[in-house]
Amino acid sequence: MSEDKKDIALSQQEAVSGIRWNESGLLPAVIQDARTLEVLMFAYMNPESLQRSLASGQTWFWSRSRSELWHKGGTSGNTQAITSIHYDCDSDTLLVKVVPEGPACHTGENSCFFREIPLDSPATVTGTAGATVNAAEAESGRFAVLGELERVIAEREVDRPEGAYTTYLFDKGVDKILKKVGEEASETIIAAKNKDNAELRLEVSDLIYHLLVLLQERKLPLDEILEELSARHERPRRD
């Protein structure tokens, strides 16, 4: 084992040793989409399922009803690739962030928490642009729409629904997509030079959409772009 792997294993061992398992030897685990921040499901882990999760990079749980380990997606294919695991201030609950390969819920819903209790007066929050949004909408993440748009574009490439603009772009190929990216970039520059924020908002939206189409055509996931941005942010500054 390399020194780096020894260090990682040691830090994992130290972290796990501080966990407070309940009287049944279990730990509640909240599973969250790492891209959209949507809460996907709630389950329990025991020491073995946690170790398997750490070793495999995918979620494993303990089924209380069947009294056995279960690999999420082992049968359905709806696995969950782990991006991070955190435990709370009392060391008795896990937050597991994942990239899901399909719906988390056995009903086919994306999240197990799809049934809502209506509120008489739901709280509101103010977004960065001053817009008031429902707290439930804000909870799903500021950039959730990007993940949803990426998913829809990927579906369009496969299904090619007749009359859809995205279908038209994929049918025409990468040269057409690149031409549209260039056009939208130019129009974005013009809107900014004209100090027209209303037009700039529209042009940037068009540019982002066409960039996502380009990424799909090149089979480059948006996650890799976000990882690159994150890596750049974490690098020490030289100034």
C-alpha atoms as a PDB file:
ATOM      1  CA  MET A   1       0.000   0.000   0.000  1.00  0.00           C
ATOM      2  CA  SER A   2       1.370   3.451  -0.930  1.00  0.00           C
ATOM      3  CA  GLU A   3       2.014   6.090   1.731  1.00  0.00           C
ATOM      4  CA  ASP A   4      -0.839   8.228   0.351  1.00  0.00           C
ATOM      5  CA  LYS A   5      -3.274   5.308   0.605  1.00  0.00           C
ATOM      6  CA  LYS A   6      -2.036   4.568   4.143  1.00  0.00           C
ATOM      7  CA  ASP A   7      -2.707   8.194   5.104  1.00  0.00           C
ATOM      8  CA  ILE A   8      -6.221   8.064   3.603  1.00  0.00           C
ATOM      9  CA  ALA A   9      -6.983   4.764   5.350  1.00  0.00           C
ATOM     10  CA  LEU A  10      -5.713   6.119   8.644  1.00  0.00           C
ATOM     11  CA  SER A  11      -7.797   9.269   8.412  1.00  0.00           C
ATOM     12  CA  GLN A  12     -10.865   7.190   7.535  1.00  0.00           C
ATOM     13  CA  GLN A  13     -10.161   4.896  10.482  1.00  0.00           C
ATOM     14  CA  GLU A  14      -9.836   7.861  12.822  1.00  0.00           C
ATOM     15  CA  ALA A  15     -13.065   9.407  11.550  1.00  0.00           C
ATOM     16  CA  VAL A  16     -15.059   6.175  11.781  1.00  0.00           C
ATOM     17  CA  SER A  17     -13.769   5.505  15.293  1.00  0.00           C
ATOM     18  CA  GLY A  18     -15.484   8.698  16.468  1.00  0.00           C
ATOM     19  CA  ILE A  19     -18.933   7.678  15.219  1.00  0.00           C
ATOM     20  CA  ARG A  20     -21.619   7.009  17.830  1.00  0.00           C
ATOM     21  CA  TRP A  21     -23.659   3.998  16.717  1.00  0.00           C
ATOM     22  CA  ASN A  22     -27.121   3.604  18.263  1.00  0.00           C
ATOM     23  CA  GLU A  23     -28.123   0.759  20.563  1.00  0.00           C
ATOM     24  CA  SER A  24     -28.773  -1.452  17.528  1.00  0.00           C
ATOM     25  CA  GLY A  25     -25.354  -0.723  16.074  1.00  0.00           C
ATOM     26  CA  LEU A  26     -26.819   1.435  13.314  1.00  0.00           C
ATOM     27  CA  LEU A  27     -26.382   4.977  12.063  1.00  0.00           C
ATOM     28  CA  PRO A  28     -28.965   7.092  10.167  1.00  0.00           C
ATOM     29  CA  ALA A  29     -27.721   8.199   6.740  1.00  0.00           C
ATOM     30  CA  VAL A  30     -29.196  11.070   4.716  1.00  0.00           C
ATOM     31  CA  ILE A  31     -28.420  10.682   1.011  1.00  0.00           C
ATOM     32  CA  GLN A  32     -28.155  13.918  -1.007  1.00  0.00           C
ATOM     33  CA  ASP A  33     -27.590  14.566  -4.721  1.00  0.00           C
ATOM     34  CA  ALA A  34     -24.155  16.216  -4.936  1.00  0.00           C
ATOM     35  CA  ARG A  35     -25.152  18.192  -8.038  1.00  0.00           C
ATOM     36  CA  THR A  36     -28.638  19.457  -7.219  1.00  0.00           C
ATOM     37  CA  LEU A  37     -28.445  19.172  -3.376  1.00  0.00           C
ATOM     38  CA  GLU A  38     -31.832  17.431  -3.432  1.00  0.00           C
ATOM     39  CA  VAL A  39     -32.334  15.000  -0.533  1.00  0.00           C
ATOM     40  CA  LEU A  40     -32.808  11.622  -2.208  1.00  0.00           C
ATOM     41  CA  MET A  41     -33.432   9.127   0.567  1.00  0.00           C
ATOM     42  CA  PHE A  42     -32.909   8.116   4.175  1.00  0.00           C
ATOM     43  CA  ALA A  43     -31.467   4.777   5.248  1.00  0.00           C
ATOM     44  CA  TYR A  44     -29.343   3.103   7.921  1.00  0.00           C
ATOM     45  CA  MET A  45     -25.751   1.930   7.867  1.00  0.00           C
ATOM     46  CA  ASN A  46     -23.951  -0.453  10.176  1.00  0.00           C
ATOM     47  CA  PRO A  47     -20.156  -0.638  10.484  1.00  0.00           C
ATOM     48  CA  GLU A  48     -19.845  -3.195   7.665  1.00  0.00           C
ATOM     49  CA  SER A  49     -22.040  -1.280   5.211  1.00  0.00           C
ATOM     50  CA  LEU A  50     -20.094   1.906   5.941  1.00  0.00           C
ATOM     51  CA  GLN A  51     -16.809   0.120   5.307  1.00  0.00           C
ATOM     52  CA  ARG A  52     -18.162  -1.321   2.054  1.00  0.00           C
ATOM     53  CA  SER A  53     -19.327   2.146   1.019  1.00  0.00           C
ATOM     54  CA  LEU A  54     -15.886   3.579   1.706  1.00  0.00           C
ATOM     55  CA  ALA A  55     -14.122   0.731  -0.100  1.00  0.00           C
ATOM     56  CA  SER A  56     -16.382   0.578  -3.168  1.00  0.00           C
ATOM     57  CA  GLY A  57     -17.258   4.256  -3.581  1.00  0.00           C
ATOM     58  CA  GLN A  58     -20.949   3.329  -3.807  1.00  0.00           C
ATOM     59  CA  THR A  59     -23.643   3.327  -1.145  1.00  0.00           C
ATOM     60  CA  TRP A  60     -24.295   0.213   0.942  1.00  0.00           C
ATOM     61  CA  PHE A  61     -26.900   0.077   3.699  1.00  0.00           C
ATOM     62  CA  TRP A  62     -28.321  -2.220   6.365  1.00  0.00           C
ATOM     63  CA  SER A  63     -31.908  -3.356   5.810  1.00  0.00           C
ATOM     64  CA  ARG A  64     -33.704  -3.472   9.146  1.00  0.00           C
ATOM     65  CA  SER A  65     -36.679  -5.342   7.672  1.00  0.00           C
ATOM     66  CA  ARG A  66     -34.572  -8.061   6.000  1.00  0.00           C
ATOM     67  CA  SER A  67     -31.668  -7.979   8.477  1.00  0.00           C
ATOM     68  CA  GLU A  68     -29.099  -7.963   5.690  1.00  0.00           C
ATOM     69  CA  LEU A  69     -26.697  -5.707   3.819  1.00  0.00           C
ATOM     70  CA  TRP A  70     -27.936  -4.191   0.575  1.00  0.00           C
ATOM     71  CA  HIS A  71     -26.075  -2.461  -2.196  1.00  0.00           C
ATOM     72  CA  LYS A  72     -28.152   0.441  -3.507  1.00  0.00           C
ATOM     73  CA  GLY A  73     -28.787  -0.241  -7.191  1.00  0.00           C
ATOM     74  CA  GLY A  74     -27.261  -3.711  -7.034  1.00  0.00           C
ATOM     75  CA  THR A  75     -30.411  -5.130  -8.653  1.00  0.00           C
ATOM     76  CA  SER A  76     -31.997  -2.106 -10.360  1.00  0.00           C
ATOM     77  CA  GLY A  77     -28.788  -0.530 -11.617  1.00  0.00           C
ATOM     78  CA  ASN A  78     -29.678   2.748  -9.866  1.00  0.00           C
ATOM     79  CA  THR A  79     -26.373   2.956  -8.037  1.00  0.00           C
ATOM     80  CA  GLN A  80     -25.058   5.984  -6.170  1.00  0.00           C
ATOM     81  CA  ALA A  81     -21.438   7.058  -6.592  1.00  0.00           C
ATOM     82  CA  ILE A  82     -20.221   8.713  -3.391  1.00  0.00           C
ATOM     83  CA  THR A  83     -18.584  12.141  -3.611  1.00  0.00           C
ATOM     84  CA  SER A  84     -18.299  12.815   0.136  1.00  0.00           C
ATOM     85  CA  ILE A  85     -19.398  11.585   3.550  1.00  0.00           C
ATOM     86  CA  HIS A  86     -19.849  13.906   6.520  1.00  0.00           C
ATOM     87  CA  TYR A  87     -21.052  13.238  10.043  1.00  0.00           C
ATOM     88  CA  ASP A  88     -22.859  15.723  12.268  1.00  0.00           C
ATOM     89  CA  CYS A  89     -21.813  17.528  15.438  1.00  0.00           C
ATOM     90  CA  ASP A  90     -23.110  14.688  17.645  1.00  0.00           C
ATOM     91  CA  SER A  91     -21.359  12.058  15.494  1.00  0.00           C
ATOM     92  CA  ASP A  92     -24.578  10.055  15.207  1.00  0.00           C
ATOM     93  CA  THR A  93     -25.862  10.876  11.700  1.00  0.00           C
ATOM     94  CA  LEU A  94     -24.242  10.711   8.262  1.00  0.00           C
ATOM     95  CA  LEU A  95     -24.711  12.997   5.269  1.00  0.00           C
ATOM     96  CA  VAL A  96     -23.697  11.133   2.115  1.00  0.00           C
ATOM     97  CA  LYS A  97     -23.448  13.157  -1.092  1.00  0.00           C
ATOM     98  CA  VAL A  98     -23.742  11.096  -4.255  1.00  0.00           C
ATOM     99  CA  VAL A  99     -24.036  11.179  -8.023  1.00  0.00           C
ATOM    100  CA  PRO A 100     -27.071   8.945  -8.689  1.00  0.00           C
ATOM    101  CA  GLU A 101     -27.294   6.702 -11.743  1.00  0.00           C
ATOM    102  CA  GLY A 102     -31.093   6.657 -11.602  1.00  0.00           C
ATOM    103  CA  PRO A 103     -34.074   7.248  -9.310  1.00  0.00           C
ATOM    104  CA  ALA A 104     -33.442   6.796  -5.605  1.00  0.00           C
ATOM    105  CA  CYS A 105     -37.003   5.713  -4.817  1.00  0.00           C
ATOM    106  CA  HIS A 106     -38.410   2.254  -5.542  1.00  0.00           C
ATOM    107  CA  THR A 107     -41.523   3.979  -6.948  1.00  0.00           C
ATOM    108  CA  GLY A 108     -39.450   5.439  -9.778  1.00  0.00           C
ATOM    109  CA  GLU A 109     -39.478   8.928  -8.294  1.00  0.00           C
ATOM    110  CA  ASN A 110     -36.135  10.725  -8.261  1.00  0.00           C
ATOM    111  CA  SER A 111     -36.361  11.281  -4.490  1.00  0.00           C
ATOM    112  CA  CYS A 112     -38.143   9.276  -1.811  1.00  0.00           C
ATOM    113  CA  PHE A 113     -39.402  12.616  -0.466  1.00  0.00           C
ATOM    114  CA  PHE A 114     -41.877  13.371  -3.251  1.00  0.00           C
ATOM    115  CA  ARG A 115     -45.026  13.656  -1.103  1.00  0.00           C
ATOM    116  CA  GLU A 116     -45.517  17.109   0.378  1.00  0.00           C
ATOM    117  CA  ILE A 117     -47.558  18.363   3.327  1.00  0.00           C
ATOM    118  CA  PRO A 118     -49.116  21.690   2.226  1.00  0.00           C
ATOM    119  CA  LEU A 119     -48.359  24.681   4.438  1.00  0.00           C
ATOM    120  CA  ASP A 120     -50.788  27.497   5.103  1.00  0.00           C
ATOM    121  CA  SER A 121     -48.088  30.161   4.921  1.00  0.00           C
ATOM    122  CA  PRO A 122     -44.810  28.787   3.522  1.00  0.00           C
ATOM    123  CA  ALA A 123     -41.727  30.812   4.359  1.00  0.00           C
ATOM    124  CA  THR A 124     -39.996  32.684   1.575  1.00  0.00           C
ATOM    125  CA  VAL A 125     -36.376  33.616   1.041  1.00  0.00           C
ATOM    126  CA  THR A 126     -34.786  36.323  -1.059  1.00  0.00           C
ATOM    127  CA  GLY A 127     -32.409  35.247  -3.800  1.00  0.00           C
ATOM    128  CA  THR A 128     -29.169  36.997  -4.687  1.00  0.00           C
ATOM    129  CA  ALA A 129     -30.927  38.995  -7.407  1.00  0.00           C
ATOM    130  CA  GLY A 130     -33.597  40.179  -4.973  1.00  0.00           C
ATOM    131  CA  ALA A 131     -36.237  37.778  -6.262  1.00  0.00           C
ATOM    132  CA  THR A 132     -38.460  36.150  -3.662  1.00  0.00           C
ATOM    133  CA  VAL A 133     -38.704  32.374  -3.941  1.00  0.00           C
ATOM    134  CA  ASN A 134     -40.379  29.671  -1.907  1.00  0.00           C
ATOM    135  CA  ALA A 135     -38.060  28.147   0.703  1.00  0.00           C
ATOM    136  CA  ALA A 136     -38.725  24.678  -0.697  1.00  0.00           C
ATOM    137  CA  GLU A 137     -37.503  25.840  -4.104  1.00  0.00           C
ATOM    138  CA  ALA A 138     -34.379  27.388  -2.625  1.00  0.00           C
ATOM    139  CA  GLU A 139     -33.637  24.166  -0.732  1.00  0.00           C
ATOM    140  CA  SER A 140     -33.121  22.225  -3.972  1.00  0.00           C
ATOM    141  CA  GLY A 141     -30.050  24.281  -4.799  1.00  0.00           C
ATOM    142  CA  ARG A 142     -29.288  27.433  -6.755  1.00  0.00           C
ATOM    143  CA  PHE A 143     -27.935  25.524  -9.728  1.00  0.00           C
ATOM    144  CA  ALA A 144     -30.312  22.556  -9.776  1.00  0.00           C
ATOM    145  CA  VAL A 145     -31.689  23.759 -13.108  1.00  0.00           C
ATOM    146  CA  LEU A 146     -28.295  23.112 -14.742  1.00  0.00           C
ATOM    147  CA  GLY A 147     -28.381  19.456 -13.733  1.00  0.00           C
ATOM    148  CA  GLU A 148     -31.963  19.148 -14.954  1.00  0.00           C
ATOM    149  CA  LEU A 149     -31.130  20.867 -18.249  1.00  0.00           C
ATOM    150  CA  GLU A 150     -28.134  18.560 -18.740  1.00  0.00           C
ATOM    151  CA  ARG A 151     -30.410  15.554 -18.175  1.00  0.00           C
ATOM    152  CA  VAL A 152     -33.037  16.792 -20.657  1.00  0.00           C
ATOM    153  CA  ILE A 153     -30.403  17.523 -23.318  1.00  0.00           C
ATOM    154  CA  ALA A 154     -28.996  14.000 -22.903  1.00  0.00           C
ATOM    155  CA  GLU A 155     -32.501  12.563 -23.345  1.00  0.00           C
ATOM    156  CA  ARG A 156     -33.031  14.679 -26.456  1.00  0.00           C
ATOM    157  CA  GLU A 157     -29.849  13.295 -27.997  1.00  0.00           C
ATOM    158  CA  VAL A 158     -31.079   9.735 -27.501  1.00  0.00           C
ATOM    159  CA  ASP A 159     -34.802  10.167 -28.275  1.00  0.00           C
ATOM    160  CA  ARG A 160     -34.495  12.868 -31.000  1.00  0.00           C
ATOM    161  CA  PRO A 161     -38.132  14.069 -30.669  1.00  0.00           C
ATOM    162  CA  GLU A 162     -39.337  15.528 -33.952  1.00  0.00           C
ATOM    163  CA  GLY A 163     -39.537  19.320 -34.057  1.00  0.00           C
ATOM    164  CA  ALA A 164     -37.339  19.904 -30.971  1.00  0.00           C
ATOM    165  CA  TYR A 165     -34.579  22.509 -31.412  1.00  0.00           C
ATOM    166  CA  THR A 166     -32.125  20.317 -29.499  1.00  0.00           C
ATOM    167  CA  THR A 167     -32.836  17.473 -31.920  1.00  0.00           C
ATOM    168  CA  TYR A 168     -32.076  19.858 -34.795  1.00  0.00           C
ATOM    169  CA  LEU A 169     -28.694  20.730 -33.289  1.00  0.00           C
ATOM    170  CA  PHE A 170     -27.687  17.107 -32.757  1.00  0.00           C
ATOM    171  CA  ASP A 171     -28.860  16.171 -36.254  1.00  0.00           C
ATOM    172  CA  LYS A 172     -26.740  18.960 -37.775  1.00  0.00           C
ATOM    173  CA  GLY A 173     -23.676  17.944 -35.773  1.00  0.00           C
ATOM    174  CA  VAL A 174     -20.828  19.581 -33.934  1.00  0.00           C
ATOM    175  CA  ASP A 175     -20.086  22.249 -36.558  1.00  0.00           C
ATOM    176  CA  LYS A 176     -23.602  23.682 -36.214  1.00  0.00           C
ATOM    177  CA  ILE A 177     -23.393  23.527 -32.427  1.00  0.00           C
ATOM    178  CA  LEU A 178     -20.044  25.339 -32.460  1.00  0.00           C
ATOM    179  CA  LYS A 179     -21.452  28.002 -34.779  1.00  0.00           C
ATOM    180  CA  LYS A 180     -24.319  28.626 -32.358  1.00  0.00           C
ATOM    181  CA  VAL A 181     -21.925  28.818 -29.394  1.00  0.00           C
ATOM    182  CA  GLY A 182     -19.906  31.447 -31.279  1.00  0.00           C
ATOM    183  CA  GLU A 183     -23.021  33.435 -32.202  1.00  0.00           C
ATOM    184  CA  GLU A 184     -24.344  33.422 -28.648  1.00  0.00           C
ATOM    185  CA  ALA A 185     -20.922  34.404 -27.249  1.00  0.00           C
ATOM    186  CA  SER A 186     -20.808  37.378 -29.647  1.00  0.00           C
ATOM    187  CA  GLU A 187     -24.334  38.439 -28.717  1.00  0.00           C
ATOM    188  CA  THR A 188     -23.417  38.161 -25.031  1.00  0.00           C
ATOM    189  CA  ILE A 189     -20.465  40.504 -25.580  1.00  0.00           C
ATOM    190  CA  ILE A 190     -22.662  43.007 -27.441  1.00  0.00           C
ATOM    191  CA  ALA A 191     -25.308  42.989 -24.702  1.00  0.00           C
ATOM    192  CA  ALA A 192     -22.640  43.589 -22.054  1.00  0.00           C
ATOM    193  CA  LYS A 193     -21.045  46.412 -24.066  1.00  0.00           C
ATOM    194  CA  ASN A 194     -24.490  48.016 -24.432  1.00  0.00           C
ATOM    195  CA  LYS A 195     -24.952  47.799 -20.648  1.00  0.00           C
ATOM    196  CA  ASP A 196     -28.293  46.090 -21.260  1.00  0.00           C
ATOM    197  CA  ASN A 197     -28.718  43.636 -18.382  1.00  0.00           C
ATOM    198  CA  ALA A 198     -32.126  42.431 -19.568  1.00  0.00           C
ATOM    199  CA  GLU A 199     -30.647  41.434 -22.917  1.00  0.00           C
ATOM    200  CA  LEU A 200     -27.495  40.123 -21.223  1.00  0.00           C
ATOM    201  CA  ARG A 201     -29.605  37.775 -19.090  1.00  0.00           C
ATOM    202  CA  LEU A 202     -31.210  36.328 -22.219  1.00  0.00           C
ATOM    203  CA  GLU A 203     -27.969  35.968 -24.158  1.00  0.00           C
ATOM    204  CA  VAL A 204     -26.074  34.339 -21.283  1.00  0.00           C
ATOM    205  CA  SER A 205     -28.948  31.868 -20.903  1.00  0.00           C
ATOM    206  CA  ASP A 206     -28.725  31.030 -24.596  1.00  0.00           C
ATOM    207  CA  LEU A 207     -24.942  30.675 -24.359  1.00  0.00           C
ATOM    208  CA  ILE A 208     -25.115  28.322 -21.359  1.00  0.00           C
ATOM    209  CA  TYR A 209     -27.732  26.173 -23.090  1.00  0.00           C
ATOM    210  CA  HIS A 210     -25.633  25.806 -26.256  1.00  0.00           C
ATOM    211  CA  LEU A 211     -22.514  25.076 -24.188  1.00  0.00           C
ATOM    212  CA  LEU A 212     -24.395  22.254 -22.444  1.00  0.00           C
ATOM    213  CA  VAL A 213     -25.413  20.877 -25.843  1.00  0.00           C
ATOM    214  CA  LEU A 214     -21.753  21.020 -26.892  1.00  0.00           C
ATOM    215  CA  LEU A 215     -20.653  19.200 -23.731  1.00  0.00           C
ATOM    216  CA  GLN A 216     -23.231  16.485 -24.383  1.00  0.00           C
ATOM    217  CA  GLU A 217     -22.094  16.107 -27.992  1.00  0.00           C
ATOM    218  CA  ARG A 218     -18.505  15.710 -26.774  1.00  0.00           C
ATOM    219  CA  LYS A 219     -19.632  13.417 -23.892  1.00  0.00           C
ATOM    220  CA  LEU A 220     -17.960  15.691 -21.349  1.00  0.00           C
ATOM    221  CA  PRO A 221     -20.080  15.747 -18.160  1.00  0.00           C
ATOM    222  CA  LEU A 222     -20.815  19.085 -16.533  1.00  0.00           C
ATOM    223  CA  ASP A 223     -19.492  17.521 -13.308  1.00  0.00           C
ATOM    224  CA  GLU A 224     -15.987  17.499 -14.775  1.00  0.00           C
ATOM    225  CA  ILE A 225     -16.234  21.225 -15.497  1.00  0.00           C
ATOM    226  CA  LEU A 226     -17.391  21.858 -11.943  1.00  0.00           C
ATOM    227  CA  GLU A 227     -14.568  19.684 -10.598  1.00  0.00           C
ATOM    228  CA  GLU A 228     -12.055  21.713 -12.613  1.00  0.00           C
ATOM    229  CA  LEU A 229     -13.476  24.967 -11.253  1.00  0.00           C
ATOM    230  CA  SER A 230     -13.345  23.565  -7.737  1.00  0.00           C
ATOM    231  CA  ALA A 231      -9.741  22.450  -8.190  1.00  0.00           C
ATOM    232  CA  ARG A 232      -8.767  25.894  -9.448  1.00  0.00           C
ATOM    233  CA  HIS A 233     -10.471  27.516  -6.491  1.00  0.00           C
ATOM    234  CA  GLU A 234      -8.565  25.289  -4.050  1.00  0.00           C
ATOM    235  CA  ARG A 235      -5.129  25.908  -5.586  1.00  0.00           C
ATOM    236  CA  PRO A 236      -2.875  28.263  -3.589  1.00  0.00           C
ATOM    237  CA  ARG A 237      -2.697  31.735  -5.051  1.00  0.00           C
ATOM    238  CA  ARG A 238       0.639  33.020  -6.340  1.00  0.00           C
ATOM    239  CA  ASP A 239      -0.006  36.753  -5.959  1.00  0.00           C
END
